């Protein structure tokens, strides 16, 4: 018994490669050629913009222009400054929670779909386990303690 298709479902089509039974490299790479062409156009656009900027800008080097400049303040002392290495852990925590939010919202919509409940629940607990390992690492480093 053939199933009846709705009006919004298109009929399946057969490509030329499937009719003869052979798939050529041209058929395979046709979809990638559009992406490659778009990448080449993007690189050319950036190259032309940089080239035009280099040709059109005035070049008048003076000693004042060659000084280090930051926020309108003349440089005082050495250009080398020590930074706190512990700030990378704050960035690490941000990435943990940003990735968490990126994956939890789509997961919630898939979890609500019929037939995907148990599988997506197991996958999400595995993902939350990885996040828990990251939080445990931050806790062991003492980042979560206020000093």
Protein backbone atom coordinates (compact mmCIF):
# COMPACT_ATOMS: atom_id res chain seq x y z
CA UNK A 1 0.00 0.00 0.00
CA UNK A 2 1.54 3.28 -1.11
CA UNK A 3 1.57 6.10 1.37
CA UNK A 4 -0.10 9.30 0.31
CA UNK A 5 2.18 12.34 0.28
CA UNK A 6 1.08 15.71 1.50
CA UNK A 7 1.15 18.75 -0.76
CA UNK A 8 4.16 20.23 1.05
CA UNK A 9 6.42 17.18 0.47
CA UNK A 10 8.30 17.32 -2.85
CA UNK A 11 8.57 14.28 -5.08
CA UNK A 12 11.95 12.53 -5.00
CA UNK A 13 14.21 13.29 -7.94
CA UNK A 14 16.87 11.19 -9.60
CA UNK A 15 20.19 12.75 -10.57
CA UNK A 16 22.01 11.91 -13.78
CA UNK A 17 24.72 10.02 -11.90
CA UNK A 18 22.20 7.73 -10.22
CA UNK A 19 20.54 6.87 -13.56
CA UNK A 20 23.73 5.47 -15.08
CA UNK A 21 24.94 4.00 -11.81
CA UNK A 22 28.23 5.92 -11.82
CA UNK A 23 29.13 9.01 -9.88
CA UNK A 24 31.86 11.18 -11.31
CA UNK A 25 34.16 13.48 -9.40
CA UNK A 26 32.43 16.47 -11.02
CA UNK A 27 29.09 15.36 -9.58
CA UNK A 28 30.65 14.90 -6.14
CA UNK A 29 32.45 18.25 -6.00
CA UNK A 30 29.66 20.32 -7.55
CA UNK A 31 28.24 21.25 -4.14
CA UNK A 32 31.67 22.22 -2.83
CA UNK A 33 32.41 24.45 -5.81
CA UNK A 34 29.87 27.02 -4.63
CA UNK A 35 31.49 27.15 -1.19
CA UNK A 36 34.96 27.39 -2.74
CA UNK A 37 33.86 30.17 -5.08
CA UNK A 38 32.36 32.10 -2.17
CA UNK A 39 35.60 31.71 -0.17
CA UNK A 40 37.68 32.96 -3.10
CA UNK A 41 35.37 35.97 -3.58
CA UNK A 42 35.63 36.75 0.14
CA UNK A 43 39.44 36.58 0.13
CA UNK A 44 39.58 38.76 -2.99
CA UNK A 45 37.23 41.29 -1.41
CA UNK A 46 39.45 41.60 1.68
CA UNK A 47 42.63 41.79 -0.45
CA UNK A 48 41.17 44.54 -2.65
CA UNK A 49 40.02 46.50 0.41
CA UNK A 50 43.46 46.32 2.03
CA UNK A 51 45.19 47.17 -1.24
CA UNK A 52 42.94 50.16 -1.85
CA UNK A 53 43.56 51.39 1.68
CA UNK A 54 47.30 51.11 1.21
CA UNK A 55 47.21 53.00 -2.10
CA UNK A 56 44.88 55.78 -0.95
CA UNK A 57 46.22 56.58 2.53
CA UNK A 58 48.73 59.37 3.05
CA UNK A 59 52.17 58.20 4.20
CA UNK A 60 53.98 60.90 6.18
CA UNK A 61 56.02 59.25 8.95
CA UNK A 62 57.06 61.62 11.74
CA UNK A 63 58.74 60.84 15.07
CA UNK A 64 55.48 61.61 16.91
CA UNK A 65 53.56 59.13 14.79
CA UNK A 66 56.09 56.39 15.47
CA UNK A 67 55.68 56.59 19.28
CA UNK A 68 53.71 54.00 21.18
CA UNK A 69 50.22 55.38 21.76
CA UNK A 70 47.52 54.12 24.04
CA UNK A 71 44.34 55.94 25.04
CA UNK A 72 45.80 59.40 24.50
CA UNK A 73 48.47 58.99 27.18
CA UNK A 74 52.14 59.33 26.35
CA UNK A 75 54.11 56.20 27.20
CA UNK A 76 56.03 56.29 30.49
CA UNK A 77 58.50 53.61 31.53
CA UNK A 78 59.02 50.29 29.82
CA UNK A 79 56.67 48.71 27.34
CA UNK A 80 56.75 45.39 29.18
CA UNK A 81 54.09 44.78 31.84
CA UNK A 82 53.27 41.74 33.92
CA UNK A 83 49.75 40.39 33.75
CA UNK A 84 47.88 38.12 36.08
CA UNK A 85 47.93 34.61 34.65
CA UNK A 86 44.92 33.60 36.71
CA UNK A 87 42.60 35.53 34.39
CA UNK A 88 42.74 32.69 31.89
CA UNK A 89 40.67 30.65 34.32
CA UNK A 90 37.91 33.27 34.25
CA UNK A 91 37.93 33.00 30.47
CA UNK A 92 37.80 29.23 30.84
CA UNK A 93 34.72 29.49 33.08
CA UNK A 94 33.07 31.84 30.61
CA UNK A 95 33.63 29.37 27.79
CA UNK A 96 32.15 26.58 29.91
CA UNK A 97 28.94 28.48 30.57
CA UNK A 98 28.70 29.96 27.06
CA UNK A 99 29.03 26.54 25.46
CA UNK A 100 26.56 25.19 27.99
CA UNK A 101 23.93 27.73 27.00
CA UNK A 102 24.60 27.27 23.28
CA UNK A 103 23.90 23.53 23.49
CA UNK A 104 21.14 23.44 26.09
CA UNK A 105 18.59 25.55 24.19
CA UNK A 106 18.56 23.47 20.97
CA UNK A 107 18.67 20.31 23.07
CA UNK A 108 15.48 21.37 24.83
CA UNK A 109 13.65 21.66 21.51
CA UNK A 110 14.86 18.25 20.31
CA UNK A 111 14.01 16.68 23.67
CA UNK A 112 10.43 17.82 23.25
CA UNK A 113 10.12 16.06 19.86
CA UNK A 114 8.51 12.65 19.85
CA UNK A 115 10.83 9.64 19.76
CA UNK A 116 14.01 11.44 20.83
CA UNK A 117 13.50 11.67 24.60
CA UNK A 118 15.71 8.89 25.98
CA UNK A 119 18.54 9.31 23.49
CA UNK A 120 18.84 13.05 23.93
CA UNK A 121 18.57 12.71 27.70
CA UNK A 122 21.59 10.35 27.78
CA UNK A 123 23.55 12.62 25.42
CA UNK A 124 22.83 15.65 27.56
CA UNK A 125 23.96 13.95 30.74
CA UNK A 126 27.24 13.06 29.02
CA UNK A 127 27.62 16.70 27.97
CA UNK A 128 26.80 17.94 31.46
CA UNK A 129 29.39 15.50 32.80
CA UNK A 130 32.06 17.21 30.69
CA UNK A 131 30.92 20.57 32.05
CA UNK A 132 31.06 19.22 35.59
CA UNK A 133 34.68 18.16 35.00
CA UNK A 134 35.46 21.73 33.89
CA UNK A 135 33.82 23.19 36.98
CA UNK A 136 35.63 20.70 39.20
CA UNK A 137 38.92 21.80 37.63
CA UNK A 138 38.08 25.44 38.35
CA UNK A 139 37.13 24.56 41.93
CA UNK A 140 40.41 22.68 42.48
CA UNK A 141 42.32 25.72 41.17
CA UNK A 142 40.54 27.86 43.78
CA UNK A 143 38.90 30.14 41.24
CA UNK A 144 35.43 29.83 42.73
CA UNK A 145 36.55 31.11 46.15
CA UNK A 146 36.18 34.84 46.87
CA UNK A 147 39.29 36.35 48.40
